[in-house]
Amino acid sequence: MIPLQAIMVPIFLLLKDLGLLNTLWGVIIPPAATPTGVFLARQYIQTIPNSFIEAARIDGAG
């Protein structure tokens, strides 16, 4: 895992180029794109009951 201090400047430059400085998305996206964020999102998605997924498919969700 890469420490946050090592990638802080590249993340700032990327957000600046994308025009996401001082926006809510600029706060949400960087932590979610780290390996820890991906792991936490995966663990959360696995806790969603299958009945919710089946109901969504019946309602026409992709």
PDB file of N, CA and C in Angstrom:
ATOM      1  N   MET A   1       0.844  -1.170   0.000  1.00  0.00           N
ATOM      2  CA  MET A   1       0.000   0.000   0.000  1.00  0.00           C
ATOM      3  C   MET A   1       0.895   1.240   0.000  1.00  0.00           C
ATOM      4  N   ILE A   2       0.470   2.233  -0.718  1.00  0.00           N
ATOM      5  CA  ILE A   2       1.228   3.473  -0.833  1.00  0.00           C
ATOM      6  C   ILE A   2       0.713   4.456   0.217  1.00  0.00           C
ATOM      7  N   PRO A   3       1.627   5.062   0.991  1.00  0.00           N
ATOM      8  CA  PRO A   3       1.162   6.027   1.989  1.00  0.00           C
ATOM      9  C   PRO A   3       0.546   7.258   1.327  1.00  0.00           C
ATOM     10  N   LEU A   4      -0.450   7.828   1.985  1.00  0.00           N
ATOM     11  CA  LEU A   4      -1.172   8.973   1.434  1.00  0.00           C
ATOM     12  C   LEU A   4      -0.236  10.160   1.177  1.00  0.00           C
ATOM     13  N   GLN A   5       0.764  10.332   2.027  1.00  0.00           N
ATOM     14  CA  GLN A   5       1.683  11.457   1.864  1.00  0.00           C
ATOM     15  C   GLN A   5       2.462  11.370   0.553  1.00  0.00           C
ATOM     16  N   ALA A   6       2.683  10.160   0.048  1.00  0.00           N
ATOM     17  CA  ALA A   6       3.439   9.996  -1.198  1.00  0.00           C
ATOM     18  C   ALA A   6       2.616  10.339  -2.432  1.00  0.00           C
ATOM     19  N   ILE A   7       1.285  10.256  -2.342  1.00  0.00           N
ATOM     20  CA  ILE A   7       0.454  10.512  -3.513  1.00  0.00           C
ATOM     21  C   ILE A   7      -0.370  11.790  -3.391  1.00  0.00           C
ATOM     22  N   MET A   8      -0.124  12.564  -2.339  1.00  0.00           N
ATOM     23  CA  MET A   8      -0.938  13.761  -2.105  1.00  0.00           C
ATOM     24  C   MET A   8      -0.751  14.810  -3.206  1.00  0.00           C
ATOM     25  N   VAL A   9       0.480  15.070  -3.608  1.00  0.00           N
ATOM     26  CA  VAL A   9       0.730  16.088  -4.642  1.00  0.00           C
ATOM     27  C   VAL A   9       0.174  15.647  -6.002  1.00  0.00           C
ATOM     28  N   PRO A  10       0.415  14.404  -6.447  1.00  0.00           N
ATOM     29  CA  PRO A  10      -0.182  13.997  -7.729  1.00  0.00           C
ATOM     30  C   PRO A  10      -1.712  14.048  -7.722  1.00  0.00           C
ATOM     31  N   ILE A  11      -2.339  13.704  -6.599  1.00  0.00           N
ATOM     32  CA  ILE A  11      -3.801  13.788  -6.521  1.00  0.00           C
ATOM     33  C   ILE A  11      -4.252  15.239  -6.640  1.00  0.00           C
ATOM     34  N   PHE A  12      -3.544  16.143  -5.965  1.00  0.00           N
ATOM     35  CA  PHE A  12      -3.892  17.561  -6.054  1.00  0.00           C
ATOM     36  C   PHE A  12      -3.788  18.051  -7.492  1.00  0.00           C
ATOM     37  N   LEU A  13      -2.708  17.700  -8.175  1.00  0.00           N
ATOM     38  CA  LEU A  13      -2.527  18.146  -9.563  1.00  0.00           C
ATOM     39  C   LEU A  13      -3.608  17.566 -10.477  1.00  0.00           C
ATOM     40  N   LEU A  14      -3.982  16.304 -10.249  1.00  0.00           N
ATOM     41  CA  LEU A  14      -5.035  15.686 -11.053  1.00  0.00           C
ATOM     42  C   LEU A  14      -6.372  16.376 -10.816  1.00  0.00           C
ATOM     43  N   LEU A  15      -6.709  16.650  -9.565  1.00  0.00           N
ATOM     44  CA  LEU A  15      -7.966  17.337  -9.260  1.00  0.00           C
ATOM     45  C   LEU A  15      -7.974  18.744  -9.839  1.00  0.00           C
ATOM     46  N   LYS A  16      -6.811  19.400  -9.824  1.00  0.00           N
ATOM     47  CA  LYS A  16      -6.715  20.740 -10.404  1.00  0.00           C
ATOM     48  C   LYS A  16      -6.966  20.688 -11.909  1.00  0.00           C
ATOM     49  N   ASP A  17      -6.370  19.709 -12.586  1.00  0.00           N
ATOM     50  CA  ASP A  17      -6.560  19.581 -14.038  1.00  0.00           C
ATOM     51  C   ASP A  17      -7.999  19.233 -14.404  1.00  0.00           C
ATOM     52  N   LEU A  18      -8.665  18.473 -13.542  1.00  0.00           N
ATOM     53  CA  LEU A  18     -10.046  18.081 -13.811  1.00  0.00           C
ATOM     54  C   LEU A  18     -11.055  19.135 -13.378  1.00  0.00           C
ATOM     55  N   GLY A  19     -10.578  20.187 -12.706  1.00  0.00           N
ATOM     56  CA  GLY A  19     -11.467  21.245 -12.252  1.00  0.00           C
ATOM     57  C   GLY A  19     -12.313  20.847 -11.050  1.00  0.00           C
ATOM     58  N   LEU A  20     -11.788  19.949 -10.239  1.00  0.00           N
ATOM     59  CA  LEU A  20     -12.549  19.457  -9.096  1.00  0.00           C
ATOM     60  C   LEU A  20     -12.093  20.041  -7.766  1.00  0.00           C
ATOM     61  N   LEU A  21     -11.237  21.058  -7.797  1.00  0.00           N
ATOM     62  CA  LEU A  21     -10.832  21.689  -6.546  1.00  0.00           C
ATOM     63  C   LEU A  21     -12.009  22.446  -5.954  1.00  0.00           C
ATOM     64  N   ASN A  22     -12.125  22.403  -4.640  1.00  0.00           N
ATOM     65  CA  ASN A  22     -13.197  23.087  -3.904  1.00  0.00           C
ATOM     66  C   ASN A  22     -14.590  22.609  -4.314  1.00  0.00           C
ATOM     67  N   THR A  23     -14.709  21.322  -4.644  1.00  0.00           N
ATOM     68  CA  THR A  23     -16.010  20.741  -4.946  1.00  0.00           C
ATOM     69  C   THR A  23     -16.205  19.498  -4.080  1.00  0.00           C
ATOM     70  N   LEU A  24     -17.439  19.083  -3.976  1.00  0.00           N
ATOM     71  CA  LEU A  24     -17.738  17.879  -3.189  1.00  0.00           C
ATOM     72  C   LEU A  24     -17.120  16.644  -3.829  1.00  0.00           C
ATOM     73  N   TRP A  25     -17.143  16.543  -5.152  1.00  0.00           N
ATOM     74  CA  TRP A  25     -16.556  15.388  -5.834  1.00  0.00           C
ATOM     75  C   TRP A  25     -15.050  15.312  -5.615  1.00  0.00           C
ATOM     76  N   GLY A  26     -14.412  16.452  -5.473  1.00  0.00           N
ATOM     77  CA  GLY A  26     -12.981  16.479  -5.195  1.00  0.00           C
ATOM     78  C   GLY A  26     -12.641  15.917  -3.826  1.00  0.00           C
ATOM     79  N   VAL A  27     -13.624  15.880  -2.939  1.00  0.00           N
ATOM     80  CA  VAL A  27     -13.429  15.306  -1.610  1.00  0.00           C
ATOM     81  C   VAL A  27     -13.790  13.820  -1.602  1.00  0.00           C
ATOM     82  N   ILE A  28     -14.754  13.422  -2.415  1.00  0.00           N
ATOM     83  CA  ILE A  28     -15.255  12.043  -2.394  1.00  0.00           C
ATOM     84  C   ILE A  28     -14.376  11.095  -3.207  1.00  0.00           C
ATOM     85  N   ILE A  29     -13.971  11.491  -4.392  1.00  0.00           N
ATOM     86  CA  ILE A  29     -13.312  10.575  -5.325  1.00  0.00           C
ATOM     87  C   ILE A  29     -11.919  10.104  -4.879  1.00  0.00           C
ATOM     88  N   PRO A  30     -11.008  10.968  -4.426  1.00  0.00           N
ATOM     89  CA  PRO A  30      -9.664  10.476  -4.103  1.00  0.00           C
ATOM     90  C   PRO A  30      -9.607   9.366  -3.050  1.00  0.00           C
ATOM     91  N   PRO A  31     -10.305   9.478  -1.927  1.00  0.00           N
ATOM     92  CA  PRO A  31     -10.225   8.352  -0.977  1.00  0.00           C
ATOM     93  C   PRO A  31     -10.865   7.070  -1.513  1.00  0.00           C
ATOM     94  N   ALA A  32     -11.864   7.191  -2.352  1.00  0.00           N
ATOM     95  CA  ALA A  32     -12.524   6.012  -2.901  1.00  0.00           C
ATOM     96  C   ALA A  32     -11.641   5.295  -3.920  1.00  0.00           C
ATOM     97  N   ALA A  33     -10.667   5.980  -4.492  1.00  0.00           N
ATOM     98  CA  ALA A  33      -9.812   5.393  -5.522  1.00  0.00           C
ATOM     99  C   ALA A  33      -8.573   4.733  -4.938  1.00  0.00           C
ATOM    100  N   THR A  34      -8.398   4.755  -3.623  1.00  0.00           N
ATOM    101  CA  THR A  34      -7.257   4.092  -2.999  1.00  0.00           C
ATOM    102  C   THR A  34      -7.578   2.612  -2.804  1.00  0.00           C
ATOM    103  N   PRO A  35      -6.568   1.772  -2.627  1.00  0.00           N
ATOM    104  CA  PRO A  35      -6.854   0.348  -2.393  1.00  0.00           C
ATOM    105  C   PRO A  35      -7.740   0.110  -1.173  1.00  0.00           C
ATOM    106  N   THR A  36      -7.563   0.888  -0.134  1.00  0.00           N
ATOM    107  CA  THR A  36      -8.401   0.740   1.052  1.00  0.00           C
ATOM    108  C   THR A  36      -9.850   1.103   0.738  1.00  0.00           C
ATOM    109  N   GLY A  37     -10.060   2.163  -0.024  1.00  0.00           N
ATOM    110  CA  GLY A  37     -11.411   2.557  -0.403  1.00  0.00           C
ATOM    111  C   GLY A  37     -12.097   1.513  -1.253  1.00  0.00           C
ATOM    112  N   VAL A  38     -11.354   0.910  -2.168  1.00  0.00           N
ATOM    113  CA  VAL A  38     -11.921  -0.145  -3.014  1.00  0.00           C
ATOM    114  C   VAL A  38     -12.290  -1.355  -2.158  1.00  0.00           C
ATOM    115  N   PHE A  39     -11.423  -1.707  -1.210  1.00  0.00           N
ATOM    116  CA  PHE A  39     -11.708  -2.833  -0.321  1.00  0.00           C
ATOM    117  C   PHE A  39     -12.952  -2.575   0.511  1.00  0.00           C
ATOM    118  N   LEU A  40     -13.073  -1.384   1.076  1.00  0.00           N
ATOM    119  CA  LEU A  40     -14.239  -1.065   1.897  1.00  0.00           C
ATOM    120  C   LEU A  40     -15.523  -1.048   1.072  1.00  0.00           C
ATOM    121  N   ALA A  41     -15.461  -0.527  -0.148  1.00  0.00           N
ATOM    122  CA  ALA A  41     -16.639  -0.519  -1.015  1.00  0.00           C
ATOM    123  C   ALA A  41     -17.051  -1.938  -1.382  1.00  0.00           C
ATOM    124  N   ARG A  42     -16.072  -2.790  -1.660  1.00  0.00           N
ATOM    125  CA  ARG A  42     -16.366  -4.188  -2.002  1.00  0.00           C
ATOM    126  C   ARG A  42     -17.011  -4.902  -0.828  1.00  0.00           C
ATOM    127  N   GLN A  43     -16.485  -4.694   0.364  1.00  0.00           N
ATOM    128  CA  GLN A  43     -17.050  -5.333   1.546  1.00  0.00           C
ATOM    129  C   GLN A  43     -18.484  -4.870   1.785  1.00  0.00           C
ATOM    130  N   TYR A  44     -18.754  -3.597   1.551  1.00  0.00           N
ATOM    131  CA  TYR A  44     -20.110  -3.083   1.730  1.00  0.00           C
ATOM    132  C   TYR A  44     -21.064  -3.681   0.701  1.00  0.00           C
ATOM    133  N   ILE A  45     -20.637  -3.764  -0.543  1.00  0.00           N
ATOM    134  CA  ILE A  45     -21.497  -4.288  -1.611  1.00  0.00           C
ATOM    135  C   ILE A  45     -21.840  -5.752  -1.354  1.00  0.00           C
ATOM    136  N   GLN A  46     -20.915  -6.496  -0.746  1.00  0.00           N
ATOM    137  CA  GLN A  46     -21.190  -7.901  -0.452  1.00  0.00           C
ATOM    138  C   GLN A  46     -22.253  -8.071   0.631  1.00  0.00           C
ATOM    139  N   THR A  47     -22.522  -7.033   1.423  1.00  0.00           N
ATOM    140  CA  THR A  47     -23.525  -7.145   2.482  1.00  0.00           C
ATOM    141  C   THR A  47     -24.937  -6.854   1.981  1.00  0.00           C
ATOM    142  N   ILE A  48     -25.089  -6.412   0.739  1.00  0.00           N
ATOM    143  CA  ILE A  48     -26.418  -6.129   0.188  1.00  0.00           C
ATOM    144  C   ILE A  48     -27.144  -7.460  -0.026  1.00  0.00           C
ATOM    145  N   PRO A  49     -28.339  -7.605   0.535  1.00  0.00           N
ATOM    146  CA  PRO A  49     -29.067  -8.878   0.386  1.00  0.00           C
ATOM    147  C   PRO A  49     -29.414  -9.175  -1.074  1.00  0.00           C
ATOM    148  N   ASN A  50     -29.421 -10.445  -1.408  1.00  0.00           N
ATOM    149  CA  ASN A  50     -29.757 -10.854  -2.775  1.00  0.00           C
ATOM    150  C   ASN A  50     -31.183 -10.484  -3.140  1.00  0.00           C
ATOM    151  N   SER A  51     -32.061 -10.387  -2.161  1.00  0.00           N
ATOM    152  CA  SER A  51     -33.451 -10.027  -2.460  1.00  0.00           C
ATOM    153  C   SER A  51     -33.532  -8.610  -3.030  1.00  0.00           C
ATOM    154  N   PHE A  52     -32.660  -7.702  -2.572  1.00  0.00           N
ATOM    155  CA  PHE A  52     -32.630  -6.349  -3.137  1.00  0.00           C
ATOM    156  C   PHE A  52     -32.197  -6.379  -4.595  1.00  0.00           C
ATOM    157  N   ILE A  53     -31.205  -7.205  -4.893  1.00  0.00           N
ATOM    158  CA  ILE A  53     -30.686  -7.299  -6.260  1.00  0.00           C
ATOM    159  C   ILE A  53     -31.744  -7.913  -7.180  1.00  0.00           C
ATOM    160  N   GLU A  54     -32.425  -8.951  -6.682  1.00  0.00           N
ATOM    161  CA  GLU A  54     -33.480  -9.577  -7.481  1.00  0.00           C
ATOM    162  C   GLU A  54     -34.637  -8.611  -7.721  1.00  0.00           C
ATOM    163  N   ALA A  55     -35.005  -7.849  -6.708  1.00  0.00           N
ATOM    164  CA  ALA A  55     -36.091  -6.853  -6.863  1.00  0.00           C
ATOM    165  C   ALA A  55     -35.706  -5.791  -7.874  1.00  0.00           C
ATOM    166  N   ALA A  56     -34.452  -5.374  -7.866  1.00  0.00           N
ATOM    167  CA  ALA A  56     -33.989  -4.377  -8.827  1.00  0.00           C
ATOM    168  C   ALA A  56     -34.054  -4.915 -10.241  1.00  0.00           C
ATOM    169  N   ARG A  57     -33.684  -6.191 -10.419  1.00  0.00           N
ATOM    170  CA  ARG A  57     -33.742  -6.786 -11.763  1.00  0.00           C
ATOM    171  C   ARG A  57     -35.183  -6.888 -12.258  1.00  0.00           C
ATOM    172  N   ILE A  58     -36.089  -7.233 -11.365  1.00  0.00           N
ATOM    173  CA  ILE A  58     -37.492  -7.331 -11.754  1.00  0.00           C
ATOM    174  C   ILE A  58     -38.027  -5.962 -12.163  1.00  0.00           C
ATOM    175  N   ASP A  59     -37.548  -4.908 -11.471  1.00  0.00           N
ATOM    176  CA  ASP A  59     -37.993  -3.552 -11.784  1.00  0.00           C
ATOM    177  C   ASP A  59     -37.315  -2.987 -13.026  1.00  0.00           C
ATOM    178  N   GLY A  60     -36.353  -3.713 -13.597  1.00  0.00           N
ATOM    179  CA  GLY A  60     -35.732  -3.284 -14.834  1.00  0.00           C
ATOM    180  C   GLY A  60     -34.372  -2.633 -14.690  1.00  0.00           C
ATOM    181  N   ALA A  61     -33.765  -2.722 -13.508  1.00  0.00           N
ATOM    182  CA  ALA A  61     -32.428  -2.147 -13.338  1.00  0.00           C
ATOM    183  C   ALA A  61     -31.413  -3.012 -14.073  1.00  0.00           C
ATOM    184  N   GLY A  62     -30.369  -2.351 -14.618  1.00  0.00           N
ATOM    185  CA  GLY A  62     -29.351  -3.081 -15.345  1.00  0.00           C
ATOM    186  C   GLY A  62     -28.305  -3.701 -14.463  1.00  0.00           C
TER     187      GLY A  62
END
